[in-house]
Amino acid sequence: MVPSGDQSLAVGARVELTIADSGGLALSQYVSQLVEKTVRTGVWRLEFWQGISVGGNSAERVEYRFGGTNRCGQAVFVERKGKVYTWRLITGGSTCGEESAFGGIVASFRLVE
């Protein structure tokens, strides 16, 4: 689910990095609006949401289920200078638990000047 005009990069078969304009919103507001919309429209069933740190930056981590097969999804949002960097992991309903590799990818993420 990449909004029009955003940039997206596939990192393997199940991981994606999207870069979007924050629209002037603080990170918590941006994530809150996205989660509210995807839950309200039935796209996501929220399972977990917490504030974390990625590369020394404040971040938000969201875990959710979606689709008729109850697939697992995880998204980590990091904001810097008006851009929101979103790492997403999508797995099958029976293959949830691949987050250890995803966690390593996200943990290595650094924003440089």
PDB file of N, CA and C in Angstrom:
ATOM      1  N   MET A   1       0.846  -1.171   0.000  1.00  0.00           N
ATOM      2  CA  MET A   1       0.000   0.000   0.000  1.00  0.00           C
ATOM      3  C   MET A   1       0.894   1.237   0.000  1.00  0.00           C
ATOM      4  N   VAL A   2       1.320   1.676  -1.165  1.00  0.00           N
ATOM      5  CA  VAL A   2       2.182   2.839  -1.306  1.00  0.00           C
ATOM      6  C   VAL A   2       1.364   3.975  -1.910  1.00  0.00           C
ATOM      7  N   PRO A   3       1.168   5.067  -1.149  1.00  0.00           N
ATOM      8  CA  PRO A   3       0.412   6.198  -1.692  1.00  0.00           C
ATOM      9  C   PRO A   3       1.060   6.767  -2.946  1.00  0.00           C
ATOM     10  N   SER A   4       0.254   7.293  -3.825  1.00  0.00           N
ATOM     11  CA  SER A   4       0.725   7.893  -5.061  1.00  0.00           C
ATOM     12  C   SER A   4       1.772   8.964  -4.784  1.00  0.00           C
ATOM     13  N   GLY A   5       2.858   8.943  -5.545  1.00  0.00           N
ATOM     14  CA  GLY A   5       3.901   9.945  -5.394  1.00  0.00           C
ATOM     15  C   GLY A   5       4.988   9.566  -4.404  1.00  0.00           C
ATOM     16  N   ASP A   6       4.773   8.507  -3.620  1.00  0.00           N
ATOM     17  CA  ASP A   6       5.790   8.061  -2.672  1.00  0.00           C
ATOM     18  C   ASP A   6       6.798   7.180  -3.392  1.00  0.00           C
ATOM     19  N   GLN A   7       7.974   7.059  -2.808  1.00  0.00           N
ATOM     20  CA  GLN A   7       9.021   6.218  -3.371  1.00  0.00           C
ATOM     21  C   GLN A   7       9.063   4.921  -2.599  1.00  0.00           C
ATOM     22  N   SER A   8       9.262   3.806  -3.304  1.00  0.00           N
ATOM     23  CA  SER A   8       9.264   2.506  -2.666  1.00  0.00           C
ATOM     24  C   SER A   8      10.398   1.664  -3.226  1.00  0.00           C
ATOM     25  N   LEU A   9      11.005   0.851  -2.353  1.00  0.00           N
ATOM     26  CA  LEU A   9      12.106  -0.022  -2.736  1.00  0.00           C
ATOM     27  C   LEU A   9      11.881  -1.385  -2.105  1.00  0.00           C
ATOM     28  N   ALA A  10      11.833  -2.433  -2.920  1.00  0.00           N
ATOM     29  CA  ALA A  10      11.712  -3.801  -2.397  1.00  0.00           C
ATOM     30  C   ALA A  10      13.097  -4.249  -1.934  1.00  0.00           C
ATOM     31  N   VAL A  11      13.147  -4.830  -0.751  1.00  0.00           N
ATOM     32  CA  VAL A  11      14.386  -5.359  -0.195  1.00  0.00           C
ATOM     33  C   VAL A  11      14.140  -6.853   0.006  1.00  0.00           C
ATOM     34  N   GLY A  12      14.315  -7.623  -1.052  1.00  0.00           N
ATOM     35  CA  GLY A  12      13.956  -9.027  -1.007  1.00  0.00           C
ATOM     36  C   GLY A  12      12.488  -9.197  -1.345  1.00  0.00           C
ATOM     37  N   ALA A  13      11.961 -10.388  -1.065  1.00  0.00           N
ATOM     38  CA  ALA A  13      10.593 -10.706  -1.453  1.00  0.00           C
ATOM     39  C   ALA A  13       9.556 -10.189  -0.473  1.00  0.00           C
ATOM     40  N   ARG A  14       9.928  -9.974   0.784  1.00  0.00           N
ATOM     41  CA  ARG A  14       8.921  -9.643   1.795  1.00  0.00           C
ATOM     42  C   ARG A  14       9.160  -8.335   2.535  1.00  0.00           C
ATOM     43  N   VAL A  15      10.214  -7.631   2.220  1.00  0.00           N
ATOM     44  CA  VAL A  15      10.531  -6.384   2.922  1.00  0.00           C
ATOM     45  C   VAL A  15      10.524  -5.235   1.927  1.00  0.00           C
ATOM     46  N   GLU A  16       9.945  -4.114   2.356  1.00  0.00           N
ATOM     47  CA  GLU A  16       9.840  -2.939   1.505  1.00  0.00           C
ATOM     48  C   GLU A  16      10.157  -1.692   2.328  1.00  0.00           C
ATOM     49  N   LEU A  17      10.845  -0.752   1.703  1.00  0.00           N
ATOM     50  CA  LEU A  17      11.092   0.565   2.292  1.00  0.00           C
ATOM     51  C   LEU A  17      10.355   1.587   1.449  1.00  0.00           C
ATOM     52  N   THR A  18       9.511   2.393   2.099  1.00  0.00           N
ATOM     53  CA  THR A  18       8.782   3.463   1.427  1.00  0.00           C
ATOM     54  C   THR A  18       9.192   4.792   2.052  1.00  0.00           C
ATOM     55  N   ILE A  19       9.370   5.796   1.213  1.00  0.00           N
ATOM     56  CA  ILE A  19       9.686   7.146   1.681  1.00  0.00           C
ATOM     57  C   ILE A  19       8.543   8.049   1.248  1.00  0.00           C
ATOM     58  N   ALA A  20       7.922   8.706   2.231  1.00  0.00           N
ATOM     59  CA  ALA A  20       6.762   9.548   1.957  1.00  0.00           C
ATOM     60  C   ALA A  20       6.920  10.905   2.645  1.00  0.00           C
ATOM     61  N   ASP A  21       6.250  11.891   2.120  1.00  0.00           N
ATOM     62  CA  ASP A  21       6.195  13.202   2.762  1.00  0.00           C
ATOM     63  C   ASP A  21       5.288  13.084   3.988  1.00  0.00           C
ATOM     64  N   SER A  22       5.707  13.665   5.096  1.00  0.00           N
ATOM     65  CA  SER A  22       4.911  13.579   6.333  1.00  0.00           C
ATOM     66  C   SER A  22       3.681  14.478   6.304  1.00  0.00           C
ATOM     67  N   GLY A  23       3.596  15.345   5.307  1.00  0.00           N
ATOM     68  CA  GLY A  23       2.459  16.265   5.232  1.00  0.00           C
ATOM     69  C   GLY A  23       2.442  17.249   6.395  1.00  0.00           C
ATOM     70  N   GLY A  24       3.607  17.481   6.993  1.00  0.00           N
ATOM     71  CA  GLY A  24       3.696  18.404   8.116  1.00  0.00           C
ATOM     72  C   GLY A  24       3.295  17.804   9.450  1.00  0.00           C
ATOM     73  N   LEU A  25       2.982  16.520   9.469  1.00  0.00           N
ATOM     74  CA  LEU A  25       2.562  15.855  10.702  1.00  0.00           C
ATOM     75  C   LEU A  25       3.751  15.335  11.491  1.00  0.00           C
ATOM     76  N   ALA A  26       3.617  15.349  12.804  1.00  0.00           N
ATOM     77  CA  ALA A  26       4.588  14.673  13.658  1.00  0.00           C
ATOM     78  C   ALA A  26       4.449  13.175  13.402  1.00  0.00           C
ATOM     79  N   LEU A  27       5.484  12.405  13.692  1.00  0.00           N
ATOM     80  CA  LEU A  27       5.467  10.977  13.408  1.00  0.00           C
ATOM     81  C   LEU A  27       4.270  10.279  14.047  1.00  0.00           C
ATOM     82  N   SER A  28       3.997  10.562  15.319  1.00  0.00           N
ATOM     83  CA  SER A  28       2.877   9.891  15.990  1.00  0.00           C
ATOM     84  C   SER A  28       1.548  10.215  15.313  1.00  0.00           C
ATOM     85  N   GLN A  29       1.383  11.440  14.830  1.00  0.00           N
ATOM     86  CA  GLN A  29       0.156  11.816  14.125  1.00  0.00           C
ATOM     87  C   GLN A  29       0.050  11.093  12.788  1.00  0.00           C
ATOM     88  N   TYR A  30       1.150  11.028  12.061  1.00  0.00           N
ATOM     89  CA  TYR A  30       1.185  10.361  10.760  1.00  0.00           C
ATOM     90  C   TYR A  30       0.791   8.893  10.912  1.00  0.00           C
ATOM     91  N   VAL A  31       1.435   8.209  11.872  1.00  0.00           N
ATOM     92  CA  VAL A  31       1.161   6.792  12.088  1.00  0.00           C
ATOM     93  C   VAL A  31      -0.276   6.601  12.575  1.00  0.00           C
ATOM     94  N   SER A  32      -0.717   7.454  13.488  1.00  0.00           N
ATOM     95  CA  SER A  32      -2.075   7.353  14.012  1.00  0.00           C
ATOM     96  C   SER A  32      -3.106   7.456  12.891  1.00  0.00           C
ATOM     97  N   GLN A  33      -2.928   8.413  11.980  1.00  0.00           N
ATOM     98  CA  GLN A  33      -3.862   8.573  10.868  1.00  0.00           C
ATOM     99  C   GLN A  33      -3.849   7.350   9.959  1.00  0.00           C
ATOM    100  N   LEU A  34      -2.661   6.823   9.665  1.00  0.00           N
ATOM    101  CA  LEU A  34      -2.558   5.652   8.803  1.00  0.00           C
ATOM    102  C   LEU A  34      -3.209   4.432   9.452  1.00  0.00           C
ATOM    103  N   VAL A  35      -2.915   4.197  10.721  1.00  0.00           N
ATOM    104  CA  VAL A  35      -3.485   3.051  11.431  1.00  0.00           C
ATOM    105  C   VAL A  35      -5.003   3.189  11.517  1.00  0.00           C
ATOM    106  N   GLU A  36      -5.476   4.364  11.865  1.00  0.00           N
ATOM    107  CA  GLU A  36      -6.923   4.577  11.985  1.00  0.00           C
ATOM    108  C   GLU A  36      -7.614   4.277  10.661  1.00  0.00           C
ATOM    109  N   LYS A  37      -7.053   4.755   9.561  1.00  0.00           N
ATOM    110  CA  LYS A  37      -7.659   4.546   8.245  1.00  0.00           C
ATOM    111  C   LYS A  37      -7.642   3.070   7.857  1.00  0.00           C
ATOM    112  N   THR A  38      -6.528   2.386   8.033  1.00  0.00           N
ATOM    113  CA  THR A  38      -6.437   0.992   7.614  1.00  0.00           C
ATOM    114  C   THR A  38      -7.278   0.069   8.498  1.00  0.00           C
ATOM    115  N   VAL A  39      -7.428   0.404   9.772  1.00  0.00           N
ATOM    116  CA  VAL A  39      -8.284  -0.389  10.662  1.00  0.00           C
ATOM    117  C   VAL A  39      -9.755  -0.111  10.351  1.00  0.00           C
ATOM    118  N   ARG A  40     -10.109   1.161  10.196  1.00  0.00           N
ATOM    119  CA  ARG A  40     -11.505   1.542   9.919  1.00  0.00           C
ATOM    120  C   ARG A  40     -12.000   0.919   8.625  1.00  0.00           C
ATOM    121  N   THR A  41     -11.153   0.855   7.610  1.00  0.00           N
ATOM    122  CA  THR A  41     -11.558   0.310   6.315  1.00  0.00           C
ATOM    123  C   THR A  41     -11.414  -1.214   6.240  1.00  0.00           C
ATOM    124  N   GLY A  42     -10.935  -1.823   7.312  1.00  0.00           N
ATOM    125  CA  GLY A  42     -10.819  -3.281   7.350  1.00  0.00           C
ATOM    126  C   GLY A  42      -9.586  -3.843   6.674  1.00  0.00           C
ATOM    127  N   VAL A  43      -8.664  -2.979   6.269  1.00  0.00           N
ATOM    128  CA  VAL A  43      -7.436  -3.451   5.630  1.00  0.00           C
ATOM    129  C   VAL A  43      -6.530  -4.134   6.657  1.00  0.00           C
ATOM    130  N   TRP A  44      -6.405  -3.545   7.841  1.00  0.00           N
ATOM    131  CA  TRP A  44      -5.570  -4.100   8.914  1.00  0.00           C
ATOM    132  C   TRP A  44      -6.429  -4.437  10.117  1.00  0.00           C
ATOM    133  N   ARG A  45      -5.988  -5.438  10.868  1.00  0.00           N
ATOM    134  CA  ARG A  45      -6.470  -5.711  12.222  1.00  0.00           C
ATOM    135  C   ARG A  45      -5.267  -5.507  13.129  1.00  0.00           C
ATOM    136  N   LEU A  46      -5.270  -4.426  13.862  1.00  0.00           N
ATOM    137  CA  LEU A  46      -4.133  -4.042  14.697  1.00  0.00           C
ATOM    138  C   LEU A  46      -3.892  -5.057  15.805  1.00  0.00           C
ATOM    139  N   GLU A  47      -2.620  -5.451  15.973  1.00  0.00           N
ATOM    140  CA  GLU A  47      -2.251  -6.378  17.037  1.00  0.00           C
ATOM    141  C   GLU A  47      -1.373  -5.723  18.095  1.00  0.00           C
ATOM    142  N   PHE A  48      -0.495  -4.799  17.679  1.00  0.00           N
ATOM    143  CA  PHE A  48       0.481  -4.245  18.615  1.00  0.00           C
ATOM    144  C   PHE A  48       0.992  -2.926  18.049  1.00  0.00           C
ATOM    145  N   TRP A  49       1.271  -1.965  18.953  1.00  0.00           N
ATOM    146  CA  TRP A  49       1.805  -0.672  18.520  1.00  0.00           C
ATOM    147  C   TRP A  49       2.656  -0.132  19.657  1.00  0.00           C
ATOM    148  N   GLN A  50       3.887   0.277  19.350  1.00  0.00           N
ATOM    149  CA  GLN A  50       4.743   0.841  20.394  1.00  0.00           C
ATOM    150  C   GLN A  50       5.758   1.814  19.809  1.00  0.00           C
ATOM    151  N   GLY A  51       6.204   2.723  20.652  1.00  0.00           N
ATOM    152  CA  GLY A  51       7.285   3.627  20.288  1.00  0.00           C
ATOM    153  C   GLY A  51       8.615   2.916  20.511  1.00  0.00           C
ATOM    154  N   ILE A  52       9.532   3.071  19.561  1.00  0.00           N
ATOM    155  CA  ILE A  52      10.855   2.459  19.658  1.00  0.00           C
ATOM    156  C   ILE A  52      11.893   3.462  19.173  1.00  0.00           C
ATOM    157  N   SER A  53      13.142   3.044  19.103  1.00  0.00           N
ATOM    158  CA  SER A  53      14.220   3.859  18.547  1.00  0.00           C
ATOM    159  C   SER A  53      14.891   3.078  17.426  1.00  0.00           C
ATOM    160  N   VAL A  54      15.170   3.744  16.315  1.00  0.00           N
ATOM    161  CA  VAL A  54      15.866   3.136  15.183  1.00  0.00           C
ATOM    162  C   VAL A  54      16.994   4.072  14.776  1.00  0.00           C
ATOM    163  N   GLY A  55      18.225   3.602  14.880  1.00  0.00           N
ATOM    164  CA  GLY A  55      19.367   4.429  14.492  1.00  0.00           C
ATOM    165  C   GLY A  55      19.446   5.737  15.244  1.00  0.00           C
ATOM    166  N   GLY A  56      19.006   5.740  16.496  1.00  0.00           N
ATOM    167  CA  GLY A  56      19.028   6.944  17.304  1.00  0.00           C
ATOM    168  C   GLY A  56      17.861   7.886  17.043  1.00  0.00           C
ATOM    169  N   ASN A  57      16.917   7.485  16.203  1.00  0.00           N
ATOM    170  CA  ASN A  57      15.739   8.294  15.892  1.00  0.00           C
ATOM    171  C   ASN A  57      14.499   7.671  16.516  1.00  0.00           C
ATOM    172  N   SER A  58      13.566   8.504  16.940  1.00  0.00           N
ATOM    173  CA  SER A  58      12.287   8.003  17.433  1.00  0.00           C
ATOM    174  C   SER A  58      11.564   7.313  16.292  1.00  0.00           C
ATOM    175  N   ALA A  59      10.891   6.224  16.618  1.00  0.00           N
ATOM    176  CA  ALA A  59      10.184   5.442  15.608  1.00  0.00           C
ATOM    177  C   ALA A  59       8.923   4.852  16.219  1.00  0.00           C
ATOM    178  N   GLU A  60       8.058   4.338  15.377  1.00  0.00           N
ATOM    179  CA  GLU A  60       6.826   3.658  15.798  1.00  0.00           C
ATOM    180  C   GLU A  60       6.812   2.298  15.116  1.00  0.00           C
ATOM    181  N   ARG A  61       6.499   1.253  15.887  1.00  0.00           N
ATOM    182  CA  ARG A  61       6.388  -0.096  15.331  1.00  0.00           C
ATOM    183  C   ARG A  61       4.949  -0.576  15.468  1.00  0.00           C
ATOM    184  N   VAL A  62       4.388  -1.065  14.365  1.00  0.00           N
ATOM    185  CA  VAL A  62       3.018  -1.540  14.331  1.00  0.00           C
ATOM    186  C   VAL A  62       3.015  -2.968  13.790  1.00  0.00           C
ATOM    187  N   GLU A  63       2.323  -3.857  14.497  1.00  0.00           N
ATOM    188  CA  GLU A  63       2.115  -5.220  14.013  1.00  0.00           C
ATOM    189  C   GLU A  63       0.630  -5.374  13.744  1.00  0.00           C
ATOM    190  N   TYR A  64       0.306  -6.057  12.652  1.00  0.00           N
ATOM    191  CA  TYR A  64      -1.095  -6.172  12.244  1.00  0.00           C
ATOM    192  C   TYR A  64      -1.315  -7.471  11.490  1.00  0.00           C
ATOM    193  N   ARG A  65      -2.587  -7.814  11.301  1.00  0.00           N
ATOM    194  CA  ARG A  65      -3.010  -8.940  10.469  1.00  0.00           C
ATOM    195  C   ARG A  65      -3.842  -8.360   9.339  1.00  0.00           C
ATOM    196  N   PHE A  66      -3.870  -9.067   8.213  1.00  0.00           N
ATOM    197  CA  PHE A  66      -4.663  -8.578   7.085  1.00  0.00           C
ATOM    198  C   PHE A  66      -5.000  -9.732   6.143  1.00  0.00           C
ATOM    199  N   GLY A  67      -5.964  -9.485   5.305  1.00  0.00           N
ATOM    200  CA  GLY A  67      -6.333 -10.451   4.271  1.00  0.00           C
ATOM    201  C   GLY A  67      -7.138 -11.617   4.800  1.00  0.00           C
ATOM    202  N   GLY A  68      -7.753 -12.316   3.873  1.00  0.00           N
ATOM    203  CA  GLY A  68      -8.580 -13.460   4.215  1.00  0.00           C
ATOM    204  C   GLY A  68      -7.800 -14.616   4.821  1.00  0.00           C
ATOM    205  N   THR A  69      -6.504 -14.654   4.569  1.00  0.00           N
ATOM    206  CA  THR A  69      -5.675 -15.726   5.121  1.00  0.00           C
ATOM    207  C   THR A  69      -5.009 -15.314   6.429  1.00  0.00           C
ATOM    208  N   ASN A  70      -5.395 -14.137   6.943  1.00  0.00           N
ATOM    209  CA  ASN A  70      -4.866 -13.655   8.230  1.00  0.00           C
ATOM    210  C   ASN A  70      -3.347 -13.499   8.214  1.00  0.00           C
ATOM    211  N   ARG A  71      -2.830 -12.945   7.128  1.00  0.00           N
ATOM    212  CA  ARG A  71      -1.383 -12.747   6.986  1.00  0.00           C
ATOM    213  C   ARG A  71      -0.867 -11.789   8.052  1.00  0.00           C
ATOM    214  N   CYS A  72       0.417 -11.925   8.371  1.00  0.00           N
ATOM    215  CA  CYS A  72       1.082 -11.065   9.351  1.00  0.00           C
ATOM    216  C   CYS A  72       1.774  -9.913   8.639  1.00  0.00           C
ATOM    217  N   GLY A  73       1.730  -8.750   9.250  1.00  0.00           N
ATOM    218  CA  GLY A  73       2.450  -7.601   8.744  1.00  0.00           C
ATOM    219  C   GLY A  73       3.072  -6.843   9.892  1.00  0.00           C
ATOM    220  N   GLN A  74       4.172  -6.192   9.603  1.00  0.00           N
ATOM    221  CA  GLN A  74       4.840  -5.365  10.591  1.00  0.00           C
ATOM    222  C   GLN A  74       5.366  -4.139   9.851  1.00  0.00           C
ATOM    223  N   ALA A  75       5.208  -2.976  10.452  1.00  0.00           N
ATOM    224  CA  ALA A  75       5.708  -1.744   9.860  1.00  0.00           C
ATOM    225  C   ALA A  75       6.446  -0.947  10.923  1.00  0.00           C
ATOM    226  N   VAL A  76       7.576  -0.378  10.525  1.00  0.00           N
ATOM    227  CA  VAL A  76       8.347   0.494  11.402  1.00  0.00           C
ATOM    228  C   VAL A  76       8.488   1.831  10.683  1.00  0.00           C
ATOM    229  N   PHE A  77       8.048   2.879  11.363  1.00  0.00           N
ATOM    230  CA  PHE A  77       8.026   4.230  10.799  1.00  0.00           C
ATOM    231  C   PHE A  77       9.075   5.095  11.489  1.00  0.00           C
ATOM    232  N   VAL A  78       9.889   5.795  10.693  1.00  0.00           N
ATOM    233  CA  VAL A  78      10.902   6.722  11.208  1.00  0.00           C
ATOM    234  C   VAL A  78      10.725   8.032  10.457  1.00  0.00           C
ATOM    235  N   GLU A  79      10.688   9.154  11.169  1.00  0.00           N
ATOM    236  CA  GLU A  79      10.512  10.463  10.523  1.00  0.00           C
ATOM    237  C   GLU A  79      11.782  11.285  10.689  1.00  0.00           C
ATOM    238  N   ARG A  80      12.131  11.977   9.598  1.00  0.00           N
ATOM    239  CA  ARG A  80      13.252  12.908   9.664  1.00  0.00           C
ATOM    240  C   ARG A  80      13.106  13.936   8.561  1.00  0.00           C
ATOM    241  N   LYS A  81      13.184  15.195   8.951  1.00  0.00           N
ATOM    242  CA  LYS A  81      13.149  16.323   8.026  1.00  0.00           C
ATOM    243  C   LYS A  81      11.962  16.265   7.065  1.00  0.00           C
ATOM    244  N   GLY A  82      10.776  15.978   7.613  1.00  0.00           N
ATOM    245  CA  GLY A  82       9.566  16.012   6.811  1.00  0.00           C
ATOM    246  C   GLY A  82       9.310  14.773   5.965  1.00  0.00           C
ATOM    247  N   LYS A  83      10.159  13.772   6.097  1.00  0.00           N
ATOM    248  CA  LYS A  83       9.981  12.514   5.367  1.00  0.00           C
ATOM    249  C   LYS A  83       9.738  11.388   6.365  1.00  0.00           C
ATOM    250  N   VAL A  84       8.849  10.463   6.007  1.00  0.00           N
ATOM    251  CA  VAL A  84       8.598   9.282   6.825  1.00  0.00           C
ATOM    252  C   VAL A  84       9.146   8.076   6.065  1.00  0.00           C
ATOM    253  N   TYR A  85      10.063   7.383   6.698  1.00  0.00           N
ATOM    254  CA  TYR A  85      10.663   6.169   6.149  1.00  0.00           C
ATOM    255  C   TYR A  85       9.928   4.997   6.790  1.00  0.00           C
ATOM    256  N   THR A  86       9.289   4.179   5.968  1.00  0.00           N
ATOM    257  CA  THR A  86       8.486   3.072   6.481  1.00  0.00           C
ATOM    258  C   THR A  86       9.057   1.748   5.989  1.00  0.00           C
ATOM    259  N   TRP A  87       9.528   0.944   6.928  1.00  0.00           N
ATOM    260  CA  TRP A  87       9.963  -0.420   6.636  1.00  0.00           C
ATOM    261  C   TRP A  87       8.764  -1.322   6.870  1.00  0.00           C
ATOM    262  N   ARG A  88       8.440  -2.183   5.895  1.00  0.00           N
ATOM    263  CA  ARG A  88       7.314  -3.106   6.049  1.00  0.00           C
ATOM    264  C   ARG A  88       7.768  -4.534   5.784  1.00  0.00           C
ATOM    265  N   LEU A  89       7.253  -5.440   6.597  1.00  0.00           N
ATOM    266  CA  LEU A  89       7.463  -6.876   6.428  1.00  0.00           C
ATOM    267  C   LEU A  89       6.098  -7.520   6.270  1.00  0.00           C
ATOM    268  N   ILE A  90       5.936  -8.326   5.233  1.00  0.00           N
ATOM    269  CA  ILE A  90       4.697  -9.059   4.999  1.00  0.00           C
ATOM    270  C   ILE A  90       5.035 -10.547   5.005  1.00  0.00           C
ATOM    271  N   THR A  91       4.318 -11.323   5.803  1.00  0.00           N
ATOM    272  CA  THR A  91       4.521 -12.774   5.819  1.00  0.00           C
ATOM    273  C   THR A  91       3.191 -13.475   5.639  1.00  0.00           C
ATOM    274  N   GLY A  92       3.233 -14.772   5.402  1.00  0.00           N
ATOM    275  CA  GLY A  92       2.018 -15.561   5.279  1.00  0.00           C
ATOM    276  C   GLY A  92       1.401 -15.802   6.641  1.00  0.00           C
ATOM    277  N   GLY A  93       0.155 -16.226   6.654  1.00  0.00           N
ATOM    278  CA  GLY A  93      -0.546 -16.483   7.908  1.00  0.00           C
ATOM    279  C   GLY A  93       0.136 -17.529   8.764  1.00  0.00           C
ATOM    280  N   SER A  94       0.772 -18.509   8.146  1.00  0.00           N
ATOM    281  CA  SER A  94       1.421 -19.573   8.911  1.00  0.00           C
ATOM    282  C   SER A  94       2.922 -19.365   9.058  1.00  0.00           C
ATOM    283  N   THR A  95       3.463 -18.296   8.514  1.00  0.00           N
ATOM    284  CA  THR A  95       4.909 -18.081   8.599  1.00  0.00           C
ATOM    285  C   THR A  95       5.261 -16.842   9.410  1.00  0.00           C
ATOM    286  N   CYS A  96       4.375 -16.415  10.289  1.00  0.00           N
ATOM    287  CA  CYS A  96       4.714 -15.295  11.166  1.00  0.00           C
ATOM    288  C   CYS A  96       5.897 -15.754  12.019  1.00  0.00           C
ATOM    289  N   GLY A  97       6.777 -14.849  12.370  1.00  0.00           N
ATOM    290  CA  GLY A  97       7.944 -15.209  13.149  1.00  0.00           C
ATOM    291  C   GLY A  97       9.228 -14.900  12.412  1.00  0.00           C
ATOM    292  N   GLU A  98       9.132 -14.356  11.199  1.00  0.00           N
ATOM    293  CA  GLU A  98      10.326 -13.982  10.448  1.00  0.00           C
ATOM    294  C   GLU A  98      10.847 -12.608  10.858  1.00  0.00           C
ATOM    295  N   GLU A  99      10.297 -12.089  11.935  1.00  0.00           N
ATOM    296  CA  GLU A  99      10.656 -10.722  12.338  1.00  0.00           C
ATOM    297  C   GLU A  99      12.097 -10.593  12.804  1.00  0.00           C
ATOM    298  N   SER A 100      12.784 -11.690  13.124  1.00  0.00           N
ATOM    299  CA  SER A 100      14.178 -11.566  13.565  1.00  0.00           C
ATOM    300  C   SER A 100      15.048 -11.024  12.434  1.00  0.00           C
ATOM    301  N   ALA A 101      14.862 -11.501  11.209  1.00  0.00           N
ATOM    302  CA  ALA A 101      15.613 -10.973  10.070  1.00  0.00           C
ATOM    303  C   ALA A 101      15.186  -9.542   9.787  1.00  0.00           C
ATOM    304  N   PHE A 102      13.881  -9.289   9.845  1.00  0.00           N
ATOM    305  CA  PHE A 102      13.367  -7.945   9.619  1.00  0.00           C
ATOM    306  C   PHE A 102      13.926  -6.979  10.659  1.00  0.00           C
ATOM    307  N   GLY A 103      13.947  -7.414  11.913  1.00  0.00           N
ATOM    308  CA  GLY A 103      14.482  -6.573  12.985  1.00  0.00           C
ATOM    309  C   GLY A 103      15.929  -6.185  12.739  1.00  0.00           C
ATOM    310  N   GLY A 104      16.729  -7.105  12.217  1.00  0.00           N
ATOM    311  CA  GLY A 104      18.124  -6.800  11.894  1.00  0.00           C
ATOM    312  C   GLY A 104      18.262  -5.792  10.780  1.00  0.00           C
ATOM    313  N   ILE A 105      17.413  -5.912   9.771  1.00  0.00           N
ATOM    314  CA  ILE A 105      17.435  -4.949   8.665  1.00  0.00           C
ATOM    315  C   ILE A 105      17.092  -3.556   9.179  1.00  0.00           C
ATOM    316  N   VAL A 106      16.009  -3.463   9.946  1.00  0.00           N
ATOM    317  CA  VAL A 106      15.574  -2.166  10.463  1.00  0.00           C
ATOM    318  C   VAL A 106      16.607  -1.592  11.435  1.00  0.00           C
ATOM    319  N   ALA A 107      17.179  -2.439  12.295  1.00  0.00           N
ATOM    320  CA  ALA A 107      18.169  -1.966  13.282  1.00  0.00           C
ATOM    321  C   ALA A 107      19.408  -1.385  12.606  1.00  0.00           C
ATOM    322  N   SER A 108      19.729  -1.842  11.407  1.00  0.00           N
ATOM    323  CA  SER A 108      20.918  -1.343  10.710  1.00  0.00           C
ATOM    324  C   SER A 108      20.655  -0.034   9.969  1.00  0.00           C
ATOM    325  N   PHE A 109      19.404   0.404   9.930  1.00  0.00           N
ATOM    326  CA  PHE A 109      19.010   1.607   9.199  1.00  0.00           C
ATOM    327  C   PHE A 109      19.560   2.858   9.880  1.00  0.00           C
ATOM    328  N   ARG A 110      20.244   3.692   9.129  1.00  0.00           N
ATOM    329  CA  ARG A 110      20.785   4.957   9.619  1.00  0.00           C
ATOM    330  C   ARG A 110      20.460   6.070   8.637  1.00  0.00           C
ATOM    331  N   LEU A 111      20.041   7.199   9.148  1.00  0.00           N
ATOM    332  CA  LEU A 111      19.797   8.375   8.325  1.00  0.00           C
ATOM    333  C   LEU A 111      21.013   9.282   8.464  1.00  0.00           C
ATOM    334  N   VAL A 112      21.609   9.646   7.353  1.00  0.00           N
ATOM    335  CA  VAL A 112      22.792  10.511   7.382  1.00  0.00           C
ATOM    336  C   VAL A 112      22.472  11.825   6.697  1.00  0.00           C
ATOM    337  N   GLU A 113      23.249  12.811   7.024  1.00  0.00           N
ATOM    338  CA  GLU A 113      23.041  14.146   6.429  1.00  0.00           C
ATOM    339  C   GLU A 113      23.315  14.139   4.960  1.00  0.00           C
TER     340      GLU A 113
END
